[in-house]
mmCIF file of all heavy atoms, coordinates in Angstrom:
data_MODEL
# 
_entry.id   MODEL 
# 
loop_
_atom_site.group_PDB 
_atom_site.id 
_atom_site.type_symbol 
_atom_site.label_atom_id 
_atom_site.label_alt_id 
_atom_site.label_comp_id 
_atom_site.label_asym_id 
_atom_site.label_entity_id 
_atom_site.label_seq_id 
_atom_site.pdbx_PDB_ins_code 
_atom_site.Cartn_x 
_atom_site.Cartn_y 
_atom_site.Cartn_z 
_atom_site.occupancy 
_atom_site.B_iso_or_equiv 
_atom_site.pdbx_formal_charge 
_atom_site.auth_seq_id 
_atom_site.auth_comp_id 
_atom_site.auth_asym_id 
_atom_site.auth_atom_id 
_atom_site.pdbx_PDB_model_num 
ATOM 1   N N   . LEU A 1 1  ? -12.767 -12.400 80.619 1.00 0.00 ? 1  LEU A N   1 
ATOM 2   C CA  . LEU A 1 1  ? -13.039 -12.986 79.313 1.00 0.00 ? 1  LEU A CA  1 
ATOM 3   C C   . LEU A 1 1  ? -14.542 -13.081 79.073 1.00 0.00 ? 1  LEU A C   1 
ATOM 4   O O   . LEU A 1 1  ? -15.129 -14.144 79.087 1.00 0.00 ? 1  LEU A O   1 
ATOM 5   C CB  . LEU A 1 1  ? -12.387 -14.360 79.206 1.00 0.00 ? 1  LEU A CB  1 
ATOM 6   C CG  . LEU A 1 1  ? -12.200 -14.849 77.768 1.00 0.00 ? 1  LEU A CG  1 
ATOM 7   C CD1 . LEU A 1 1  ? -11.118 -14.051 77.069 1.00 0.00 ? 1  LEU A CD1 1 
ATOM 8   C CD2 . LEU A 1 1  ? -11.863 -16.319 77.748 1.00 0.00 ? 1  LEU A CD2 1 
ATOM 9   N N   . SER A 1 2  ? -15.161 -11.960 78.860 1.00 0.00 ? 2  SER A N   1 
ATOM 10  C CA  . SER A 1 2  ? -16.585 -11.924 78.573 1.00 0.00 ? 2  SER A CA  1 
ATOM 11  C C   . SER A 1 2  ? -16.829 -12.266 77.108 1.00 0.00 ? 2  SER A C   1 
ATOM 12  O O   . SER A 1 2  ? -15.898 -12.367 76.307 1.00 0.00 ? 2  SER A O   1 
ATOM 13  C CB  . SER A 1 2  ? -17.140 -10.531 78.870 1.00 0.00 ? 2  SER A CB  1 
ATOM 14  O OG  . SER A 1 2  ? -16.528 -9.587  78.006 1.00 0.00 ? 2  SER A OG  1 
ATOM 15  N N   . ALA A 1 3  ? -18.107 -12.421 76.761 1.00 0.00 ? 3  ALA A N   1 
ATOM 16  C CA  . ALA A 1 3  ? -18.449 -12.702 75.371 1.00 0.00 ? 3  ALA A CA  1 
ATOM 17  C C   . ALA A 1 3  ? -17.989 -11.574 74.459 1.00 0.00 ? 3  ALA A C   1 
ATOM 18  O O   . ALA A 1 3  ? -17.541 -11.806 73.333 1.00 0.00 ? 3  ALA A O   1 
ATOM 19  C CB  . ALA A 1 3  ? -19.954 -12.912 75.239 1.00 0.00 ? 3  ALA A CB  1 
ATOM 20  N N   . SER A 1 4  ? -18.086 -10.331 74.953 1.00 0.00 ? 4  SER A N   1 
ATOM 21  C CA  . SER A 1 4  ? -17.650 -9.199  74.130 1.00 0.00 ? 4  SER A CA  1 
ATOM 22  C C   . SER A 1 4  ? -16.140 -9.214  73.922 1.00 0.00 ? 4  SER A C   1 
ATOM 23  O O   . SER A 1 4  ? -15.643 -8.827  72.856 1.00 0.00 ? 4  SER A O   1 
ATOM 24  C CB  . SER A 1 4  ? -18.075 -7.875  74.785 1.00 0.00 ? 4  SER A CB  1 
ATOM 25  O OG  . SER A 1 4  ? -17.490 -7.740  76.071 1.00 0.00 ? 4  SER A OG  1 
ATOM 26  N N   . THR A 1 5  ? -15.401 -9.679  74.947 1.00 0.00 ? 5  THR A N   1 
ATOM 27  C CA  . THR A 1 5  ? -13.945 -9.773  74.802 1.00 0.00 ? 5  THR A CA  1 
ATOM 28  C C   . THR A 1 5  ? -13.584 -10.818 73.762 1.00 0.00 ? 5  THR A C   1 
ATOM 29  O O   . THR A 1 5  ? -12.705 -10.614 72.917 1.00 0.00 ? 5  THR A O   1 
ATOM 30  C CB  . THR A 1 5  ? -13.295 -10.133 76.152 1.00 0.00 ? 5  THR A CB  1 
ATOM 31  O OG1 . THR A 1 5  ? -13.591 -9.115  77.099 1.00 0.00 ? 5  THR A OG1 1 
ATOM 32  C CG2 . THR A 1 5  ? -11.777 -10.261 75.997 1.00 0.00 ? 5  THR A CG2 1 
ATOM 33  N N   . VAL A 1 6  ? -14.259 -11.957 73.811 1.00 0.00 ? 6  VAL A N   1 
ATOM 34  C CA  . VAL A 1 6  ? -14.020 -12.998 72.809 1.00 0.00 ? 6  VAL A CA  1 
ATOM 35  C C   . VAL A 1 6  ? -14.337 -12.460 71.418 1.00 0.00 ? 6  VAL A C   1 
ATOM 36  O O   . VAL A 1 6  ? -13.606 -12.720 70.449 1.00 0.00 ? 6  VAL A O   1 
ATOM 37  C CB  . VAL A 1 6  ? -14.867 -14.246 73.111 1.00 0.00 ? 6  VAL A CB  1 
ATOM 38  C CG1 . VAL A 1 6  ? -14.719 -15.276 71.994 1.00 0.00 ? 6  VAL A CG1 1 
ATOM 39  C CG2 . VAL A 1 6  ? -14.447 -14.864 74.443 1.00 0.00 ? 6  VAL A CG2 1 
ATOM 40  N N   . ALA A 1 7  ? -15.426 -11.694 71.310 1.00 0.00 ? 7  ALA A N   1 
ATOM 41  C CA  . ALA A 1 7  ? -15.794 -11.115 70.013 1.00 0.00 ? 7  ALA A CA  1 
ATOM 42  C C   . ALA A 1 7  ? -14.702 -10.176 69.511 1.00 0.00 ? 7  ALA A C   1 
ATOM 43  O O   . ALA A 1 7  ? -14.394 -10.152 68.312 1.00 0.00 ? 7  ALA A O   1 
ATOM 44  C CB  . ALA A 1 7  ? -17.123 -10.381 70.128 1.00 0.00 ? 7  ALA A CB  1 
ATOM 45  N N   . ARG A 1 8  ? -14.105 -9.392  70.431 1.00 0.00 ? 8  ARG A N   1 
ATOM 46  C CA  . ARG A 1 8  ? -13.021 -8.494  70.017 1.00 0.00 ? 8  ARG A CA  1 
ATOM 47  C C   . ARG A 1 8  ? -11.811 -9.291  69.544 1.00 0.00 ? 8  ARG A C   1 
ATOM 48  O O   . ARG A 1 8  ? -11.143 -8.913  68.574 1.00 0.00 ? 8  ARG A O   1 
ATOM 49  C CB  . ARG A 1 8  ? -12.628 -7.577  71.179 1.00 0.00 ? 8  ARG A CB  1 
ATOM 50  C CG  . ARG A 1 8  ? -13.634 -6.478  71.464 1.00 0.00 ? 8  ARG A CG  1 
ATOM 51  C CD  . ARG A 1 8  ? -13.022 -5.362  72.293 1.00 0.00 ? 8  ARG A CD  1 
ATOM 52  N NE  . ARG A 1 8  ? -12.544 -5.832  73.587 1.00 0.00 ? 8  ARG A NE  1 
ATOM 53  C CZ  . ARG A 1 8  ? -13.293 -5.896  74.684 1.00 0.00 ? 8  ARG A CZ  1 
ATOM 54  N NH1 . ARG A 1 8  ? -14.573 -5.542  74.629 1.00 0.00 ? 8  ARG A NH1 1 
ATOM 55  N NH2 . ARG A 1 8  ? -12.792 -6.317  75.814 1.00 0.00 ? 8  ARG A NH2 1 
ATOM 56  N N   . LEU A 1 9  ? -11.525 -10.385 70.245 1.00 0.00 ? 9  LEU A N   1 
ATOM 57  C CA  . LEU A 1 9  ? -10.414 -11.227 69.824 1.00 0.00 ? 9  LEU A CA  1 
ATOM 58  C C   . LEU A 1 9  ? -10.660 -11.794 68.431 1.00 0.00 ? 9  LEU A C   1 
ATOM 59  O O   . LEU A 1 9  ? -9.756  -11.849 67.598 1.00 0.00 ? 9  LEU A O   1 
ATOM 60  C CB  . LEU A 1 9  ? -10.222 -12.379 70.812 1.00 0.00 ? 9  LEU A CB  1 
ATOM 61  C CG  . LEU A 1 9  ? -9.386  -12.077 72.052 1.00 0.00 ? 9  LEU A CG  1 
ATOM 62  C CD1 . LEU A 1 9  ? -9.429  -13.265 72.999 1.00 0.00 ? 9  LEU A CD1 1 
ATOM 63  C CD2 . LEU A 1 9  ? -7.953  -11.751 71.695 1.00 0.00 ? 9  LEU A CD2 1 
ATOM 64  N N   . LYS A 1 10 ? -11.884 -12.182 68.157 1.00 0.00 ? 10 LYS A N   1 
ATOM 65  C CA  . LYS A 1 10 ? -12.217 -12.722 66.839 1.00 0.00 ? 10 LYS A CA  1 
ATOM 66  C C   . LYS A 1 10 ? -12.015 -11.663 65.755 1.00 0.00 ? 10 LYS A C   1 
ATOM 67  O O   . LYS A 1 10 ? -11.527 -11.972 64.657 1.00 0.00 ? 10 LYS A O   1 
ATOM 68  C CB  . LYS A 1 10 ? -13.643 -13.238 66.838 1.00 0.00 ? 10 LYS A CB  1 
ATOM 69  C CG  . LYS A 1 10 ? -13.828 -14.515 67.651 1.00 0.00 ? 10 LYS A CG  1 
ATOM 70  C CD  . LYS A 1 10 ? -15.303 -14.839 67.851 1.00 0.00 ? 10 LYS A CD  1 
ATOM 71  C CE  . LYS A 1 10 ? -15.993 -15.190 66.575 1.00 0.00 ? 10 LYS A CE  1 
ATOM 72  N NZ  . LYS A 1 10 ? -17.423 -15.537 66.797 1.00 0.00 ? 10 LYS A NZ  1 
ATOM 73  N N   . ARG A 1 11 ? -12.363 -10.412 66.059 1.00 0.00 ? 11 ARG A N   1 
ATOM 74  C CA  . ARG A 1 11 ? -12.141 -9.338  65.085 1.00 0.00 ? 11 ARG A CA  1 
ATOM 75  C C   . ARG A 1 11 ? -10.651 -9.116  64.867 1.00 0.00 ? 11 ARG A C   1 
ATOM 76  O O   . ARG A 1 11 ? -10.195 -8.840  63.744 1.00 0.00 ? 11 ARG A O   1 
ATOM 77  C CB  . ARG A 1 11 ? -12.814 -8.045  65.569 1.00 0.00 ? 11 ARG A CB  1 
ATOM 78  C CG  . ARG A 1 11 ? -14.340 -8.087  65.492 1.00 0.00 ? 11 ARG A CG  1 
ATOM 79  C CD  . ARG A 1 11 ? -14.935 -6.698  65.639 1.00 0.00 ? 11 ARG A CD  1 
ATOM 80  N NE  . ARG A 1 11 ? -14.688 -6.121  66.964 1.00 0.00 ? 11 ARG A NE  1 
ATOM 81  C CZ  . ARG A 1 11 ? -15.509 -6.282  67.995 1.00 0.00 ? 11 ARG A CZ  1 
ATOM 82  N NH1 . ARG A 1 11 ? -16.614 -7.006  67.879 1.00 0.00 ? 11 ARG A NH1 1 
ATOM 83  N NH2 . ARG A 1 11 ? -15.235 -5.717  69.150 1.00 0.00 ? 11 ARG A NH2 1 
ATOM 84  N N   . GLN A 1 12 ? -9.883  -9.237  65.952 1.00 0.00 ? 12 GLN A N   1 
ATOM 85  C CA  . GLN A 1 12 ? -8.429  -9.094  65.824 1.00 0.00 ? 12 GLN A CA  1 
ATOM 86  C C   . GLN A 1 12 ? -7.860  -10.207 64.953 1.00 0.00 ? 12 GLN A C   1 
ATOM 87  O O   . GLN A 1 12 ? -6.989  -9.971  64.106 1.00 0.00 ? 12 GLN A O   1 
ATOM 88  C CB  . GLN A 1 12 ? -7.781  -9.141  67.210 1.00 0.00 ? 12 GLN A CB  1 
ATOM 89  C CG  . GLN A 1 12 ? -6.257  -9.025  67.188 1.00 0.00 ? 12 GLN A CG  1 
ATOM 90  C CD  . GLN A 1 12 ? -5.665  -9.079  68.581 1.00 0.00 ? 12 GLN A CD  1 
ATOM 91  O OE1 . GLN A 1 12 ? -6.255  -8.578  69.537 1.00 0.00 ? 12 GLN A OE1 1 
ATOM 92  N NE2 . GLN A 1 12 ? -4.515  -9.706  68.705 1.00 0.00 ? 12 GLN A NE2 1 
ATOM 93  N N   . TRP A 1 13 ? -8.351  -11.435 65.143 1.00 0.00 ? 13 TRP A N   1 
ATOM 94  C CA  . TRP A 1 13 ? -7.884  -12.546 64.318 1.00 0.00 ? 13 TRP A CA  1 
ATOM 95  C C   . TRP A 1 13 ? -8.209  -12.309 62.854 1.00 0.00 ? 13 TRP A C   1 
ATOM 96  O O   . TRP A 1 13 ? -7.418  -12.653 61.978 1.00 0.00 ? 13 TRP A O   1 
ATOM 97  C CB  . TRP A 1 13 ? -8.541  -13.853 64.768 1.00 0.00 ? 13 TRP A CB  1 
ATOM 98  C CG  . TRP A 1 13 ? -8.189  -14.268 66.153 1.00 0.00 ? 13 TRP A CG  1 
ATOM 99  C CD1 . TRP A 1 13 ? -7.101  -13.891 66.876 1.00 0.00 ? 13 TRP A CD1 1 
ATOM 100 C CD2 . TRP A 1 13 ? -8.942  -15.139 66.988 1.00 0.00 ? 13 TRP A CD2 1 
ATOM 101 N NE1 . TRP A 1 13 ? -7.130  -14.464 68.111 1.00 0.00 ? 13 TRP A NE1 1 
ATOM 102 C CE2 . TRP A 1 13 ? -8.244  -15.242 68.216 1.00 0.00 ? 13 TRP A CE2 1 
ATOM 103 C CE3 . TRP A 1 13 ? -10.132 -15.832 66.835 1.00 0.00 ? 13 TRP A CE3 1 
ATOM 104 C CZ2 . TRP A 1 13 ? -8.701  -16.020 69.267 1.00 0.00 ? 13 TRP A CZ2 1 
ATOM 105 C CZ3 . TRP A 1 13 ? -10.591 -16.620 67.880 1.00 0.00 ? 13 TRP A CZ3 1 
ATOM 106 C CH2 . TRP A 1 13 ? -9.880  -16.707 69.087 1.00 0.00 ? 13 TRP A CH2 1 
ATOM 107 N N   . GLU A 1 14 ? -9.368  -11.729 62.593 1.00 0.00 ? 14 GLU A N   1 
ATOM 108 C CA  . GLU A 1 14 ? -9.759  -11.436 61.216 1.00 0.00 ? 14 GLU A CA  1 
ATOM 109 C C   . GLU A 1 14 ? -8.771  -10.486 60.559 1.00 0.00 ? 14 GLU A C   1 
ATOM 110 O O   . GLU A 1 14 ? -8.339  -10.694 59.420 1.00 0.00 ? 14 GLU A O   1 
ATOM 111 C CB  . GLU A 1 14 ? -11.167 -10.838 61.189 1.00 0.00 ? 14 GLU A CB  1 
ATOM 112 C CG  . GLU A 1 14 ? -11.660 -10.513 59.784 1.00 0.00 ? 14 GLU A CG  1 
ATOM 113 C CD  . GLU A 1 14 ? -13.061 -9.940  59.781 1.00 0.00 ? 14 GLU A CD  1 
ATOM 114 O OE1 . GLU A 1 14 ? -13.609 -9.689  60.868 1.00 0.00 ? 14 GLU A OE1 1 
ATOM 115 O OE2 . GLU A 1 14 ? -13.612 -9.734  58.673 1.00 0.00 ? 14 GLU A OE2 1 
ATOM 116 N N   . GLN A 1 15 ? -8.376  -9.435  61.295 1.00 0.00 ? 15 GLN A N   1 
ATOM 117 C CA  . GLN A 1 15 ? -7.409  -8.479  60.760 1.00 0.00 ? 15 GLN A CA  1 
ATOM 118 C C   . GLN A 1 15 ? -6.054  -9.142  60.527 1.00 0.00 ? 15 GLN A C   1 
ATOM 119 O O   . GLN A 1 15 ? -5.405  -8.928  59.497 1.00 0.00 ? 15 GLN A O   1 
ATOM 120 C CB  . GLN A 1 15 ? -7.268  -7.296  61.723 1.00 0.00 ? 15 GLN A CB  1 
ATOM 121 C CG  . GLN A 1 15 ? -8.539  -6.462  61.869 1.00 0.00 ? 15 GLN A CG  1 
ATOM 122 C CD  . GLN A 1 15 ? -8.442  -5.445  62.988 1.00 0.00 ? 15 GLN A CD  1 
ATOM 123 O OE1 . GLN A 1 15 ? -7.424  -5.338  63.671 1.00 0.00 ? 15 GLN A OE1 1 
ATOM 124 N NE2 . GLN A 1 15 ? -9.516  -4.690  63.195 1.00 0.00 ? 15 GLN A NE2 1 
ATOM 125 N N   . GLU A 1 16 ? -5.629  -9.963  61.499 1.00 0.00 ? 16 GLU A N   1 
ATOM 126 C CA  . GLU A 1 16 ? -4.345  -10.650 61.364 1.00 0.00 ? 16 GLU A CA  1 
ATOM 127 C C   . GLU A 1 16 ? -4.368  -11.611 60.170 1.00 0.00 ? 16 GLU A C   1 
ATOM 128 O O   . GLU A 1 16 ? -3.377  -11.715 59.438 1.00 0.00 ? 16 GLU A O   1 
ATOM 129 C CB  . GLU A 1 16 ? -4.035  -11.419 62.646 1.00 0.00 ? 16 GLU A CB  1 
ATOM 130 C CG  . GLU A 1 16 ? -3.738  -10.540 63.852 1.00 0.00 ? 16 GLU A CG  1 
ATOM 131 C CD  . GLU A 1 16 ? -3.516  -11.370 65.105 1.00 0.00 ? 16 GLU A CD  1 
ATOM 132 O OE1 . GLU A 1 16 ? -3.571  -12.617 65.016 1.00 0.00 ? 16 GLU A OE1 1 
ATOM 133 O OE2 . GLU A 1 16 ? -3.300  -10.769 66.167 1.00 0.00 ? 16 GLU A OE2 1 
ATOM 134 N N   . TYR A 1 17 ? -5.478  -12.308 59.999 1.00 0.00 ? 17 TYR A N   1 
ATOM 135 C CA  . TYR A 1 17 ? -5.587  -13.269 58.908 1.00 0.00 ? 17 TYR A CA  1 
ATOM 136 C C   . TYR A 1 17 ? -5.488  -12.578 57.551 1.00 0.00 ? 17 TYR A C   1 
ATOM 137 O O   . TYR A 1 17 ? -4.753  -13.032 56.663 1.00 0.00 ? 17 TYR A O   1 
ATOM 138 C CB  . TYR A 1 17 ? -6.904  -14.042 59.016 1.00 0.00 ? 17 TYR A CB  1 
ATOM 139 C CG  . TYR A 1 17 ? -7.205  -14.925 57.821 1.00 0.00 ? 17 TYR A CG  1 
ATOM 140 C CD1 . TYR A 1 17 ? -6.444  -16.058 57.563 1.00 0.00 ? 17 TYR A CD1 1 
ATOM 141 C CD2 . TYR A 1 17 ? -8.245  -14.618 56.947 1.00 0.00 ? 17 TYR A CD2 1 
ATOM 142 C CE1 . TYR A 1 17 ? -6.708  -16.871 56.465 1.00 0.00 ? 17 TYR A CE1 1 
ATOM 143 C CE2 . TYR A 1 17 ? -8.518  -15.421 55.854 1.00 0.00 ? 17 TYR A CE2 1 
ATOM 144 C CZ  . TYR A 1 17 ? -7.746  -16.542 55.618 1.00 0.00 ? 17 TYR A CZ  1 
ATOM 145 O OH  . TYR A 1 17 ? -8.003  -17.332 54.520 1.00 0.00 ? 17 TYR A OH  1 
ATOM 146 N N   . HIS A 1 18 ? -6.188  -11.479 57.382 1.00 0.00 ? 18 HIS A N   1 
ATOM 147 C CA  . HIS A 1 18 ? -6.157  -10.782 56.093 1.00 0.00 ? 18 HIS A CA  1 
ATOM 148 C C   . HIS A 1 18 ? -4.769  -10.206 55.815 1.00 0.00 ? 18 HIS A C   1 
ATOM 149 O O   . HIS A 1 18 ? -4.309  -10.209 54.663 1.00 0.00 ? 18 HIS A O   1 
ATOM 150 C CB  . HIS A 1 18 ? -7.223  -9.693  56.061 1.00 0.00 ? 18 HIS A CB  1 
ATOM 151 C CG  . HIS A 1 18 ? -8.625  -10.224 55.940 1.00 0.00 ? 18 HIS A CG  1 
ATOM 152 N ND1 . HIS A 1 18 ? -9.020  -11.013 54.869 1.00 0.00 ? 18 HIS A ND1 1 
ATOM 153 C CD2 . HIS A 1 18 ? -9.706  -10.114 56.745 1.00 0.00 ? 18 HIS A CD2 1 
ATOM 154 C CE1 . HIS A 1 18 ? -10.289 -11.352 55.021 1.00 0.00 ? 18 HIS A CE1 1 
ATOM 155 N NE2 . HIS A 1 18 ? -10.731 -10.826 56.154 1.00 0.00 ? 18 HIS A NE2 1 
ATOM 156 N N   . ALA A 1 19 ? -4.076  -9.716  56.857 1.00 0.00 ? 19 ALA A N   1 
ATOM 157 C CA  . ALA A 1 19 ? -2.709  -9.227  56.673 1.00 0.00 ? 19 ALA A CA  1 
ATOM 158 C C   . ALA A 1 19 ? -1.775  -10.367 56.292 1.00 0.00 ? 19 ALA A C   1 
ATOM 159 O O   . ALA A 1 19 ? -0.898  -10.220 55.432 1.00 0.00 ? 19 ALA A O   1 
ATOM 160 C CB  . ALA A 1 19 ? -2.227  -8.538  57.948 1.00 0.00 ? 19 ALA A CB  1 
ATOM 161 N N   . TRP A 1 20 ? -1.982  -11.521 56.927 1.00 0.00 ? 20 TRP A N   1 
ATOM 162 C CA  . TRP A 1 20 ? -1.148  -12.699 56.648 1.00 0.00 ? 20 TRP A CA  1 
ATOM 163 C C   . TRP A 1 20 ? -1.357  -13.179 55.215 1.00 0.00 ? 20 TRP A C   1 
ATOM 164 O O   . TRP A 1 20 ? -0.404  -13.587 54.551 1.00 0.00 ? 20 TRP A O   1 
ATOM 165 C CB  . TRP A 1 20 ? -1.522  -13.790 57.648 1.00 0.00 ? 20 TRP A CB  1 
ATOM 166 C CG  . TRP A 1 20 ? -0.812  -15.095 57.470 1.00 0.00 ? 20 TRP A CG  1 
ATOM 167 C CD1 . TRP A 1 20 ? 0.446   -15.419 57.889 1.00 0.00 ? 20 TRP A CD1 1 
ATOM 168 C CD2 . TRP A 1 20 ? -1.331  -16.261 56.813 1.00 0.00 ? 20 TRP A CD2 1 
ATOM 169 N NE1 . TRP A 1 20 ? 0.746   -16.715 57.549 1.00 0.00 ? 20 TRP A NE1 1 
ATOM 170 C CE2 . TRP A 1 20 ? -0.327  -17.253 56.891 1.00 0.00 ? 20 TRP A CE2 1 
ATOM 171 C CE3 . TRP A 1 20 ? -2.538  -16.572 56.193 1.00 0.00 ? 20 TRP A CE3 1 
ATOM 172 C CZ2 . TRP A 1 20 ? -0.503  -18.527 56.357 1.00 0.00 ? 20 TRP A CZ2 1 
ATOM 173 C CZ3 . TRP A 1 20 ? -2.714  -17.833 55.651 1.00 0.00 ? 20 TRP A CZ3 1 
ATOM 174 C CH2 . TRP A 1 20 ? -1.704  -18.802 55.743 1.00 0.00 ? 20 TRP A CH2 1 
ATOM 175 N N   . CYS A 1 21 ? -2.592  -13.112 54.724 1.00 0.00 ? 21 CYS A N   1 
ATOM 176 C CA  . CYS A 1 21 ? -2.898  -13.590 53.366 1.00 0.00 ? 21 CYS A CA  1 
ATOM 177 C C   . CYS A 1 21 ? -2.259  -12.742 52.274 1.00 0.00 ? 21 CYS A C   1 
ATOM 178 O O   . CYS A 1 21 ? -2.173  -13.192 51.125 1.00 0.00 ? 21 CYS A O   1 
ATOM 179 C CB  . CYS A 1 21 ? -4.414  -13.611 53.152 1.00 0.00 ? 21 CYS A CB  1 
ATOM 180 S SG  . CYS A 1 21 ? -5.256  -14.962 54.008 1.00 0.00 ? 21 CYS A SG  1 
ATOM 181 N N   . THR A 1 22 ? -1.813  -11.535 52.599 1.00 0.00 ? 22 THR A N   1 
ATOM 182 C CA  . THR A 1 22 ? -1.240  -10.642 51.585 1.00 0.00 ? 22 THR A CA  1 
ATOM 183 C C   . THR A 1 22 ? 0.258   -10.408 51.779 1.00 0.00 ? 22 THR A C   1 
ATOM 184 O O   . THR A 1 22 ? 0.849   -9.607  51.050 1.00 0.00 ? 22 THR A O   1 
ATOM 185 C CB  . THR A 1 22 ? -1.979  -9.295  51.598 1.00 0.00 ? 22 THR A CB  1 
ATOM 186 O OG1 . THR A 1 22 ? -1.893  -8.709  52.907 1.00 0.00 ? 22 THR A OG1 1 
ATOM 187 C CG2 . THR A 1 22 ? -3.443  -9.472  51.232 1.00 0.00 ? 22 THR A CG2 1 
ATOM 188 N N   . ARG A 1 23 ? 0.872   -11.093 52.754 1.00 0.00 ? 23 ARG A N   1 
ATOM 189 C CA  . ARG A 1 23 ? 2.286   -10.838 53.023 1.00 0.00 ? 23 ARG A CA  1 
ATOM 190 C C   . ARG A 1 23 ? 3.151   -11.341 51.864 1.00 0.00 ? 23 ARG A C   1 
ATOM 191 O O   . ARG A 1 23 ? 2.778   -12.278 51.159 1.00 0.00 ? 23 ARG A O   1 
ATOM 192 C CB  . ARG A 1 23 ? 2.704   -11.512 54.329 1.00 0.00 ? 23 ARG A CB  1 
ATOM 193 C CG  . ARG A 1 23 ? 2.917   -13.004 54.217 1.00 0.00 ? 23 ARG A CG  1 
ATOM 194 C CD  . ARG A 1 23 ? 2.892   -13.676 55.578 1.00 0.00 ? 23 ARG A CD  1 
ATOM 195 N NE  . ARG A 1 23 ? 3.338   -15.056 55.507 1.00 0.00 ? 23 ARG A NE  1 
ATOM 196 C CZ  . ARG A 1 23 ? 2.616   -16.058 55.031 1.00 0.00 ? 23 ARG A CZ  1 
ATOM 197 N NH1 . ARG A 1 23 ? 1.416   -15.829 54.544 1.00 0.00 ? 23 ARG A NH1 1 
ATOM 198 N NH2 . ARG A 1 23 ? 3.115   -17.282 55.035 1.00 0.00 ? 23 ARG A NH2 1 
ATOM 199 N N   . ARG A 1 24 ? 4.307   -10.735 51.684 1.00 0.00 ? 24 ARG A N   1 
ATOM 200 C CA  . ARG A 1 24 ? 5.225   -11.126 50.618 1.00 0.00 ? 24 ARG A CA  1 
ATOM 201 C C   . ARG A 1 24 ? 5.923   -12.441 50.974 1.00 0.00 ? 24 ARG A C   1 
ATOM 202 O O   . ARG A 1 24 ? 6.180   -12.738 52.140 1.00 0.00 ? 24 ARG A O   1 
ATOM 203 C CB  . ARG A 1 24 ? 6.278   -10.043 50.393 1.00 0.00 ? 24 ARG A CB  1 
ATOM 204 C CG  . ARG A 1 24 ? 5.728   -8.717  49.906 1.00 0.00 ? 24 ARG A CG  1 
ATOM 205 C CD  . ARG A 1 24 ? 5.123   -8.827  48.518 1.00 0.00 ? 24 ARG A CD  1 
ATOM 206 N NE  . ARG A 1 24 ? 6.086   -9.289  47.525 1.00 0.00 ? 24 ARG A NE  1 
ATOM 207 C CZ  . ARG A 1 24 ? 5.780   -9.557  46.262 1.00 0.00 ? 24 ARG A CZ  1 
ATOM 208 N NH1 . ARG A 1 24 ? 4.518   -9.424  45.847 1.00 0.00 ? 24 ARG A NH1 1 
ATOM 209 N NH2 . ARG A 1 24 ? 6.702   -9.948  45.405 1.00 0.00 ? 24 ARG A NH2 1 
# 
């Protein structure tokens, strides 16, 4: 769990959040 790994997780959360905001 390096800083870069945490950063990747944050980017993944961003993608999940935007998909969630547009779901039917």
